[in-house]
Amino acid sequence: VALPSTSSRMIDVQTKMAGRALELLNLPEGQPCYLLDIGCGSGLSGDYLSDEGHYWVGIDISPAMLDAALDRDTEGDLLLGDMGQGIPFKPGSFDGCISISAVQWLCNANKKSDIPAKRLYHFFSSLYSVLARGARAILQLYPENSEQLELITTQATKAGFTGGVVVDYPNSAKAKKFYLCLFSGPSTFLPKGLSESQEEEEATESIFTNKRVPHRLARRSLVRKSREWVLEKKERRRRQGKEVRPDTQYTGRKRKPRF
């Protein structure tokens, strides 16, 4: 089945939400971290993590979306899996977790054996385990109603998490966003949601964006598949500990078609 092409607006919205989730993770400045992206889809939010210098693993239930991520040559490692059946990694594997527009799907029962509360608890308890102690999980979600949000937060609390819900632009129909901020260590303060004031919104976004522009532009200025792009990608793979062929004068050079 062919996937519809992703619109530039959707890419922009997904990237902004990934950026906000990364900001709420409050990771150490200038330190590459190992992150988990739940419901990673075609890797749009993962691309943002890579642009910020982090390493990541994405998990998604859709083979078609993961194929799209592979076609886009996304940087993260990808895993096919149902988050409602748990996160299959060793305890303490990740420095943090983000998720964009995925967790609310656990509230749906797609078959008789699906019990939302049990699937949510299984998800949150395994997520608590795979996070390093003190790490955060920032889960952007679209709850249908307050009862659904309460069901989600109740199961997260049962699994051992502290934290709460951060709501950005609560009075805006379009811009309103829910972020479930979970702490796997001692309780810490809950971040504030972004303000509805247009002036404050612009100031917050400019501060938040300017921190990331230099590194992001440095990568995006590289022409895809060019020699510089290939060399930069190989160097990143080496930092990840992956086996990479040595650089030569032929690296990144276009090959002539063979018959």
C-alpha atoms as a PDB file:
ATOM      1  CA  VAL A   1       0.000   0.000   0.000  1.00  0.00           C
ATOM      2  CA  ALA A   2       1.484   3.340  -1.019  1.00  0.00           C
ATOM      3  CA  LEU A   3       1.722   5.906   1.736  1.00  0.00           C
ATOM      4  CA  PRO A   4       0.496   9.435   0.968  1.00  0.00           C
ATOM      5  CA  SER A   5       3.263  11.995   0.663  1.00  0.00           C
ATOM      6  CA  THR A   6       3.892  13.926   3.847  1.00  0.00           C
ATOM      7  CA  SER A   7       2.915  17.577   3.531  1.00  0.00           C
ATOM      8  CA  SER A   8       5.396  20.277   4.444  1.00  0.00           C
ATOM      9  CA  ARG A   9       2.917  21.600   7.055  1.00  0.00           C
ATOM     10  CA  MET A  10       2.718  18.204   8.747  1.00  0.00           C
ATOM     11  CA  ILE A  11       6.519  17.981   8.770  1.00  0.00           C
ATOM     12  CA  ASP A  12       6.689  21.457  10.321  1.00  0.00           C
ATOM     13  CA  VAL A  13       4.096  20.634  13.025  1.00  0.00           C
ATOM     14  CA  GLN A  14       5.766  17.286  13.838  1.00  0.00           C
ATOM     15  CA  THR A  15       9.196  18.931  14.027  1.00  0.00           C
ATOM     16  CA  LYS A  16       7.927  21.696  16.337  1.00  0.00           C
ATOM     17  CA  MET A  17       6.322  19.168  18.679  1.00  0.00           C
ATOM     18  CA  ALA A  18       9.499  17.072  18.712  1.00  0.00           C
ATOM     19  CA  GLY A  19      11.461  20.237  19.510  1.00  0.00           C
ATOM     20  CA  ARG A  20       9.128  21.112  22.373  1.00  0.00           C
ATOM     21  CA  ALA A  21       9.316  17.524  23.721  1.00  0.00           C
ATOM     22  CA  LEU A  22      13.116  17.651  23.598  1.00  0.00           C
ATOM     23  CA  GLU A  23      13.071  20.988  25.427  1.00  0.00           C
ATOM     24  CA  LEU A  24      10.846  19.501  28.165  1.00  0.00           C
ATOM     25  CA  LEU A  25      13.236  16.538  28.524  1.00  0.00           C
ATOM     26  CA  ASN A  26      15.724  19.046  29.964  1.00  0.00           C
ATOM     27  CA  LEU A  27      18.784  17.057  28.885  1.00  0.00           C
ATOM     28  CA  PRO A  28      22.329  18.151  29.790  1.00  0.00           C
ATOM     29  CA  GLU A  29      23.514  20.955  27.493  1.00  0.00           C
ATOM     30  CA  GLY A  30      25.837  19.890  24.677  1.00  0.00           C
ATOM     31  CA  GLN A  31      25.843  16.204  25.652  1.00  0.00           C
ATOM     32  CA  PRO A  32      24.667  13.553  23.140  1.00  0.00           C
ATOM     33  CA  CYS A  33      22.061  11.267  24.718  1.00  0.00           C
ATOM     34  CA  TYR A  34      20.507   7.912  23.829  1.00  0.00           C
ATOM     35  CA  LEU A  35      16.753   8.431  23.402  1.00  0.00           C
ATOM     36  CA  LEU A  36      13.666   6.336  22.706  1.00  0.00           C
ATOM     37  CA  ASP A  37      11.016   7.555  20.227  1.00  0.00           C
ATOM     38  CA  ILE A  38       7.713   5.733  20.765  1.00  0.00           C
ATOM     39  CA  GLY A  39       5.368   5.679  17.771  1.00  0.00           C
ATOM     40  CA  CYS A  40       8.219   6.992  15.619  1.00  0.00           C
ATOM     41  CA  GLY A  41       6.303   6.611  12.338  1.00  0.00           C
ATOM     42  CA  SER A  42       8.377   7.649   9.325  1.00  0.00           C
ATOM     43  CA  GLY A  43      11.093   9.141  11.549  1.00  0.00           C
ATOM     44  CA  LEU A  44      10.241  12.857  11.371  1.00  0.00           C
ATOM     45  CA  SER A  45      10.702  13.465  15.104  1.00  0.00           C
ATOM     46  CA  GLY A  46      13.766  11.209  15.044  1.00  0.00           C
ATOM     47  CA  ASP A  47      15.299  13.407  12.344  1.00  0.00           C
ATOM     48  CA  TYR A  48      15.032  16.317  14.757  1.00  0.00           C
ATOM     49  CA  LEU A  49      16.778  14.306  17.480  1.00  0.00           C
ATOM     50  CA  SER A  50      19.586  13.469  15.045  1.00  0.00           C
ATOM     51  CA  ASP A  51      19.876  17.127  14.019  1.00  0.00           C
ATOM     52  CA  GLU A  52      20.356  17.981  17.692  1.00  0.00           C
ATOM     53  CA  GLY A  53      23.216  15.490  17.999  1.00  0.00           C
ATOM     54  CA  HIS A  54      21.384  12.696  19.846  1.00  0.00           C
ATOM     55  CA  TYR A  55      21.215   8.968  19.106  1.00  0.00           C
ATOM     56  CA  TRP A  56      17.823   7.269  19.124  1.00  0.00           C
ATOM     57  CA  VAL A  57      15.789   4.108  18.689  1.00  0.00           C
ATOM     58  CA  GLY A  58      12.279   4.261  17.250  1.00  0.00           C
ATOM     59  CA  ILE A  59       9.474   1.770  17.841  1.00  0.00           C
ATOM     60  CA  ASP A  60       6.252   1.655  15.794  1.00  0.00           C
ATOM     61  CA  ILE A  61       3.441  -0.819  15.171  1.00  0.00           C
ATOM     62  CA  SER A  62       3.176  -0.039  11.438  1.00  0.00           C
ATOM     63  CA  PRO A  63       5.535  -1.864   9.020  1.00  0.00           C
ATOM     64  CA  ALA A  64       4.561   0.608   6.277  1.00  0.00           C
ATOM     65  CA  MET A  65       5.631   3.608   8.376  1.00  0.00           C
ATOM     66  CA  LEU A  66       8.927   1.951   9.292  1.00  0.00           C
ATOM     67  CA  ASP A  67       9.513   1.180   5.598  1.00  0.00           C
ATOM     68  CA  ALA A  68       8.948   4.883   4.900  1.00  0.00           C
ATOM     69  CA  ALA A  69      11.526   5.726   7.592  1.00  0.00           C
ATOM     70  CA  LEU A  70      14.031   3.383   5.933  1.00  0.00           C
ATOM     71  CA  ASP A  71      13.305   4.921   2.530  1.00  0.00           C
ATOM     72  CA  ARG A  72      14.025   8.352   4.022  1.00  0.00           C
ATOM     73  CA  ASP A  73      17.384   7.021   5.261  1.00  0.00           C
ATOM     74  CA  THR A  74      16.624   8.137   8.802  1.00  0.00           C
ATOM     75  CA  GLU A  75      19.477   7.873  11.313  1.00  0.00           C
ATOM     76  CA  GLY A  76      17.888   5.945  14.193  1.00  0.00           C
ATOM     77  CA  ASP A  77      17.583   2.213  14.750  1.00  0.00           C
ATOM     78  CA  LEU A  78      14.025   1.006  14.099  1.00  0.00           C
ATOM     79  CA  LEU A  79      11.958  -1.665  15.826  1.00  0.00           C
ATOM     80  CA  LEU A  80       8.580  -3.100  14.831  1.00  0.00           C
ATOM     81  CA  GLY A  81       6.473  -3.505  17.961  1.00  0.00           C
ATOM     82  CA  ASP A  82       3.241  -2.789  19.830  1.00  0.00           C
ATOM     83  CA  MET A  83       3.890  -0.428  22.754  1.00  0.00           C
ATOM     84  CA  GLY A  84       0.857  -1.938  24.509  1.00  0.00           C
ATOM     85  CA  GLN A  85       2.809  -5.192  24.825  1.00  0.00           C
ATOM     86  CA  GLY A  86       5.736  -3.457  26.505  1.00  0.00           C
ATOM     87  CA  ILE A  87       9.070  -1.906  25.538  1.00  0.00           C
ATOM     88  CA  PRO A  88      11.583  -4.758  24.943  1.00  0.00           C
ATOM     89  CA  PHE A  89      14.894  -3.262  26.096  1.00  0.00           C
ATOM     90  CA  LYS A  90      17.249  -3.817  29.010  1.00  0.00           C
ATOM     91  CA  PRO A  91      16.616  -1.817  32.205  1.00  0.00           C
ATOM     92  CA  GLY A  92      18.192   1.639  32.227  1.00  0.00           C
ATOM     93  CA  SER A  93      18.917   1.648  28.491  1.00  0.00           C
ATOM     94  CA  PHE A  94      17.744   5.196  27.678  1.00  0.00           C
ATOM     95  CA  ASP A  95      18.546   8.723  28.846  1.00  0.00           C
ATOM     96  CA  GLY A  96      15.055   9.892  27.924  1.00  0.00           C
ATOM     97  CA  CYS A  97      11.966   9.189  25.834  1.00  0.00           C
ATOM     98  CA  ILE A  98       9.737  11.219  23.551  1.00  0.00           C
ATOM     99  CA  SER A  99       6.514  10.297  21.822  1.00  0.00           C
ATOM    100  CA  ILE A 100       4.481  12.399  19.402  1.00  0.00           C
ATOM    101  CA  SER A 101       0.752  11.726  18.912  1.00  0.00           C
ATOM    102  CA  ALA A 102       0.824   8.021  19.802  1.00  0.00           C
ATOM    103  CA  VAL A 103      -0.029   7.136  23.415  1.00  0.00           C
ATOM    104  CA  GLN A 104      -3.765   7.936  23.134  1.00  0.00           C
ATOM    105  CA  TRP A 105      -4.151   4.922  20.800  1.00  0.00           C
ATOM    106  CA  LEU A 106      -3.640   2.618  23.785  1.00  0.00           C
ATOM    107  CA  CYS A 107      -7.067   3.742  25.030  1.00  0.00           C
ATOM    108  CA  ASN A 108      -8.737   1.998  22.076  1.00  0.00           C
ATOM    109  CA  ALA A 109      -9.722  -1.678  22.223  1.00  0.00           C
ATOM    110  CA  ASN A 110      -9.150  -3.061  18.731  1.00  0.00           C
ATOM    111  CA  LYS A 111     -10.119  -6.590  19.753  1.00  0.00           C
ATOM    112  CA  LYS A 112     -12.005  -8.204  22.653  1.00  0.00           C
ATOM    113  CA  SER A 113      -8.814  -9.203  24.442  1.00  0.00           C
ATOM    114  CA  ASP A 114      -7.576  -5.571  24.490  1.00  0.00           C
ATOM    115  CA  ILE A 115      -8.096  -3.997  27.904  1.00  0.00           C
ATOM    116  CA  PRO A 116      -6.909  -0.360  27.714  1.00  0.00           C
ATOM    117  CA  ALA A 117      -5.976  -0.060  31.415  1.00  0.00           C
ATOM    118  CA  LYS A 118      -3.853  -3.235  31.265  1.00  0.00           C
ATOM    119  CA  ARG A 119      -2.153  -2.223  28.002  1.00  0.00           C
ATOM    120  CA  LEU A 120      -1.397   1.231  29.420  1.00  0.00           C
ATOM    121  CA  TYR A 121       0.048  -0.249  32.622  1.00  0.00           C
ATOM    122  CA  HIS A 122       2.172  -2.731  30.659  1.00  0.00           C
ATOM    123  CA  PHE A 123       3.457   0.129  28.510  1.00  0.00           C
ATOM    124  CA  PHE A 124       4.243   2.487  31.397  1.00  0.00           C
ATOM    125  CA  SER A 125       5.806  -0.149  33.659  1.00  0.00           C
ATOM    126  CA  SER A 126       8.152  -1.327  30.889  1.00  0.00           C
ATOM    127  CA  LEU A 127       8.938   2.286  29.963  1.00  0.00           C
ATOM    128  CA  TYR A 128       9.813   3.017  33.599  1.00  0.00           C
ATOM    129  CA  SER A 129      12.198   0.059  33.519  1.00  0.00           C
ATOM    130  CA  VAL A 130      14.066   0.974  30.308  1.00  0.00           C
ATOM    131  CA  LEU A 131      14.726   4.571  31.428  1.00  0.00           C
ATOM    132  CA  ALA A 132      17.818   5.431  33.437  1.00  0.00           C
ATOM    133  CA  ARG A 133      16.838   6.520  36.944  1.00  0.00           C
ATOM    134  CA  GLY A 134      16.095  10.227  36.981  1.00  0.00           C
ATOM    135  CA  ALA A 135      15.342  10.299  33.239  1.00  0.00           C
ATOM    136  CA  ARG A 136      12.184  11.842  31.816  1.00  0.00           C
ATOM    137  CA  ALA A 137       9.602  10.744  29.280  1.00  0.00           C
ATOM    138  CA  ILE A 138       7.724  13.467  27.370  1.00  0.00           C
ATOM    139  CA  LEU A 139       4.655  12.100  25.629  1.00  0.00           C
ATOM    140  CA  GLN A 140       2.680  14.480  23.408  1.00  0.00           C
ATOM    141  CA  LEU A 141      -0.854  13.168  23.005  1.00  0.00           C
ATOM    142  CA  TYR A 142      -4.367  14.051  21.880  1.00  0.00           C
ATOM    143  CA  PRO A 143      -6.772  12.813  24.596  1.00  0.00           C
ATOM    144  CA  GLU A 144     -10.413  12.580  23.500  1.00  0.00           C
ATOM    145  CA  ASN A 145     -11.702  13.757  26.887  1.00  0.00           C
ATOM    146  CA  SER A 146     -10.734  14.262  30.535  1.00  0.00           C
ATOM    147  CA  GLU A 147     -11.667  10.644  31.404  1.00  0.00           C
ATOM    148  CA  GLN A 148      -9.178   9.314  28.845  1.00  0.00           C
ATOM    149  CA  LEU A 149      -6.455  11.618  30.155  1.00  0.00           C
ATOM    150  CA  GLU A 150      -7.181  10.472  33.722  1.00  0.00           C
ATOM    151  CA  LEU A 151      -6.975   6.816  32.651  1.00  0.00           C
ATOM    152  CA  ILE A 152      -3.552   7.442  31.101  1.00  0.00           C
ATOM    153  CA  THR A 153      -2.115   9.400  34.029  1.00  0.00           C
ATOM    154  CA  THR A 154      -3.482   6.896  36.579  1.00  0.00           C
ATOM    155  CA  GLN A 155      -1.674   3.985  34.906  1.00  0.00           C
ATOM    156  CA  ALA A 156       1.542   6.035  34.607  1.00  0.00           C
ATOM    157  CA  THR A 157       1.400   6.741  38.362  1.00  0.00           C
ATOM    158  CA  LYS A 158       0.747   3.053  39.157  1.00  0.00           C
ATOM    159  CA  ALA A 159       3.877   2.178  37.156  1.00  0.00           C
ATOM    160  CA  GLY A 160       5.991   4.411  39.403  1.00  0.00           C
ATOM    161  CA  PHE A 161       6.178   7.672  37.472  1.00  0.00           C
ATOM    162  CA  THR A 162       5.681  11.119  38.981  1.00  0.00           C
ATOM    163  CA  GLY A 163       4.980  14.253  36.958  1.00  0.00           C
ATOM    164  CA  GLY A 164       1.891  15.643  35.292  1.00  0.00           C
ATOM    165  CA  VAL A 165       0.408  17.220  32.183  1.00  0.00           C
ATOM    166  CA  VAL A 166       1.786  20.399  30.610  1.00  0.00           C
ATOM    167  CA  VAL A 167      -0.694  22.211  28.359  1.00  0.00           C
ATOM    168  CA  ASP A 168       0.659  24.684  25.804  1.00  0.00           C
ATOM    169  CA  TYR A 169      -1.705  27.463  24.619  1.00  0.00           C
ATOM    170  CA  PRO A 170      -4.714  26.100  26.568  1.00  0.00           C
ATOM    171  CA  ASN A 171      -7.194  28.623  25.132  1.00  0.00           C
ATOM    172  CA  SER A 172      -6.288  28.118  21.487  1.00  0.00           C
ATOM    173  CA  ALA A 173      -8.295  25.669  19.385  1.00  0.00           C
ATOM    174  CA  LYS A 174      -5.446  25.065  16.919  1.00  0.00           C
ATOM    175  CA  ALA A 175      -2.276  25.533  18.975  1.00  0.00           C
ATOM    176  CA  LYS A 176      -3.368  23.704  22.163  1.00  0.00           C
ATOM    177  CA  LYS A 177      -1.074  20.771  22.886  1.00  0.00           C
ATOM    178  CA  PHE A 178      -0.915  18.244  25.752  1.00  0.00           C
ATOM    179  CA  TYR A 179       2.456  16.938  26.944  1.00  0.00           C
ATOM    180  CA  LEU A 180       2.524  14.212  29.603  1.00  0.00           C
ATOM    181  CA  CYS A 181       5.782  14.891  31.497  1.00  0.00           C
ATOM    182  CA  LEU A 182       6.895  11.837  33.455  1.00  0.00           C
ATOM    183  CA  PHE A 183       9.834  11.579  35.872  1.00  0.00           C
ATOM    184  CA  SER A 184      11.416   8.218  36.653  1.00  0.00           C
ATOM    185  CA  GLY A 185      13.388   9.469  39.653  1.00  0.00           C
ATOM    186  CA  PRO A 186      12.775  11.794  42.582  1.00  0.00           C
ATOM    187  CA  SER A 187       9.946  14.274  42.037  1.00  0.00           C
ATOM    188  CA  THR A 188      10.982  17.495  40.351  1.00  0.00           C
ATOM    189  CA  PHE A 189       9.113  20.635  39.362  1.00  0.00           C
ATOM    190  CA  LEU A 190       6.663  20.405  36.469  1.00  0.00           C
ATOM    191  CA  PRO A 191       7.538  22.774  33.588  1.00  0.00           C
ATOM    192  CA  LYS A 192       5.082  25.543  32.736  1.00  0.00           C
ATOM    193  CA  GLY A 193       3.029  25.460  29.557  1.00  0.00           C
ATOM    194  CA  LEU A 194       3.686  28.075  26.897  1.00  0.00           C
ATOM    195  CA  SER A 195       1.620  31.252  27.284  1.00  0.00           C
ATOM    196  CA  GLU A 196      -1.324  32.259  25.150  1.00  0.00           C
ATOM    197  CA  SER A 197       0.029  35.823  24.788  1.00  0.00           C
ATOM    198  CA  GLN A 198       1.251  36.390  21.229  1.00  0.00           C
ATOM    199  CA  GLU A 199       4.156  38.526  22.415  1.00  0.00           C
ATOM    200  CA  GLU A 200       5.260  35.927  24.944  1.00  0.00           C
ATOM    201  CA  GLU A 201       4.739  33.164  22.390  1.00  0.00           C
ATOM    202  CA  GLU A 202       7.074  34.830  19.917  1.00  0.00           C
ATOM    203  CA  ALA A 203       9.692  35.498  22.587  1.00  0.00           C
ATOM    204  CA  THR A 204       9.572  31.900  23.872  1.00  0.00           C
ATOM    205  CA  GLU A 205       9.804  30.423  20.390  1.00  0.00           C
ATOM    206  CA  SER A 206      12.678  32.672  19.363  1.00  0.00           C
ATOM    207  CA  ILE A 207      14.690  31.783  22.482  1.00  0.00           C
ATOM    208  CA  PHE A 208      13.919  28.098  22.031  1.00  0.00           C
ATOM    209  CA  THR A 209      14.672  28.088  18.293  1.00  0.00           C
ATOM    210  CA  ASN A 210      17.840  30.160  18.319  1.00  0.00           C
ATOM    211  CA  LYS A 211      19.618  27.651  20.552  1.00  0.00           C
ATOM    212  CA  ARG A 212      19.210  25.012  17.884  1.00  0.00           C
ATOM    213  CA  VAL A 213      19.516  26.888  14.606  1.00  0.00           C
ATOM    214  CA  PRO A 214      23.331  26.825  14.122  1.00  0.00           C
ATOM    215  CA  HIS A 215      23.718  23.042  14.444  1.00  0.00           C
ATOM    216  CA  ARG A 216      20.562  22.290  12.473  1.00  0.00           C
ATOM    217  CA  LEU A 217      21.423  24.650   9.624  1.00  0.00           C
ATOM    218  CA  ALA A 218      24.945  23.250   9.487  1.00  0.00           C
ATOM    219  CA  ARG A 219      23.541  19.833   8.631  1.00  0.00           C
ATOM    220  CA  ARG A 220      20.696  20.989   6.428  1.00  0.00           C
ATOM    221  CA  SER A 221      23.022  23.154   4.347  1.00  0.00           C
ATOM    222  CA  LEU A 222      24.694  19.952   3.143  1.00  0.00           C
ATOM    223  CA  VAL A 223      23.394  18.744  -0.210  1.00  0.00           C
ATOM    224  CA  ARG A 224      21.854  15.297   0.242  1.00  0.00           C
ATOM    225  CA  LYS A 225      24.080  12.511  -1.172  1.00  0.00           C
ATOM    226  CA  SER A 226      26.956  14.964  -1.728  1.00  0.00           C
ATOM    227  CA  ARG A 227      30.490  13.986  -0.624  1.00  0.00           C
ATOM    228  CA  GLU A 228      30.260  16.291   2.436  1.00  0.00           C
ATOM    229  CA  TRP A 229      26.862  14.820   3.361  1.00  0.00           C
ATOM    230  CA  VAL A 230      28.188  11.247   3.058  1.00  0.00           C
ATOM    231  CA  LEU A 231      31.337  12.015   5.088  1.00  0.00           C
ATOM    232  CA  GLU A 232      29.303  13.701   7.847  1.00  0.00           C
ATOM    233  CA  LYS A 233      26.909  10.753   7.991  1.00  0.00           C
ATOM    234  CA  LYS A 234      29.758   8.204   8.145  1.00  0.00           C
ATOM    235  CA  GLU A 235      31.397  10.128  10.963  1.00  0.00           C
ATOM    236  CA  ARG A 236      28.120  10.079  12.931  1.00  0.00           C
ATOM    237  CA  ARG A 237      27.852   6.311  12.399  1.00  0.00           C
ATOM    238  CA  ARG A 238      31.397   5.859  13.716  1.00  0.00           C
ATOM    239  CA  ARG A 239      30.469   7.809  16.851  1.00  0.00           C
ATOM    240  CA  GLN A 240      27.570   5.385  17.292  1.00  0.00           C
ATOM    241  CA  GLY A 241      30.083   2.509  17.228  1.00  0.00           C
ATOM    242  CA  LYS A 242      28.851   1.143  13.906  1.00  0.00           C
ATOM    243  CA  GLU A 243      31.151  -0.440  11.348  1.00  0.00           C
ATOM    244  CA  VAL A 244      31.795   2.011   8.506  1.00  0.00           C
ATOM    245  CA  ARG A 245      33.970   1.678   5.419  1.00  0.00           C
ATOM    246  CA  PRO A 246      37.078   3.891   5.437  1.00  0.00           C
ATOM    247  CA  ASP A 247      36.939   7.227   3.590  1.00  0.00           C
ATOM    248  CA  THR A 248      38.648   7.297   0.182  1.00  0.00           C
ATOM    249  CA  GLN A 249      38.879   9.620  -2.803  1.00  0.00           C
ATOM    250  CA  TYR A 250      35.844   7.757  -4.193  1.00  0.00           C
ATOM    251  CA  THR A 251      33.600   8.400  -1.177  1.00  0.00           C
ATOM    252  CA  GLY A 252      30.437  10.177  -2.288  1.00  0.00           C
ATOM    253  CA  ARG A 253      31.381  10.030  -5.965  1.00  0.00           C
ATOM    254  CA  LYS A 254      28.551   9.214  -8.342  1.00  0.00           C
ATOM    255  CA  ARG A 255      28.959   5.866 -10.047  1.00  0.00           C
ATOM    256  CA  LYS A 256      28.461   5.428 -13.768  1.00  0.00           C
ATOM    257  CA  PRO A 257      25.500   3.234 -14.721  1.00  0.00           C
ATOM    258  CA  ARG A 258      26.459  -0.338 -15.594  1.00  0.00           C
ATOM    259  CA  PHE A 259      24.783  -2.497 -18.154  1.00  0.00           C
END
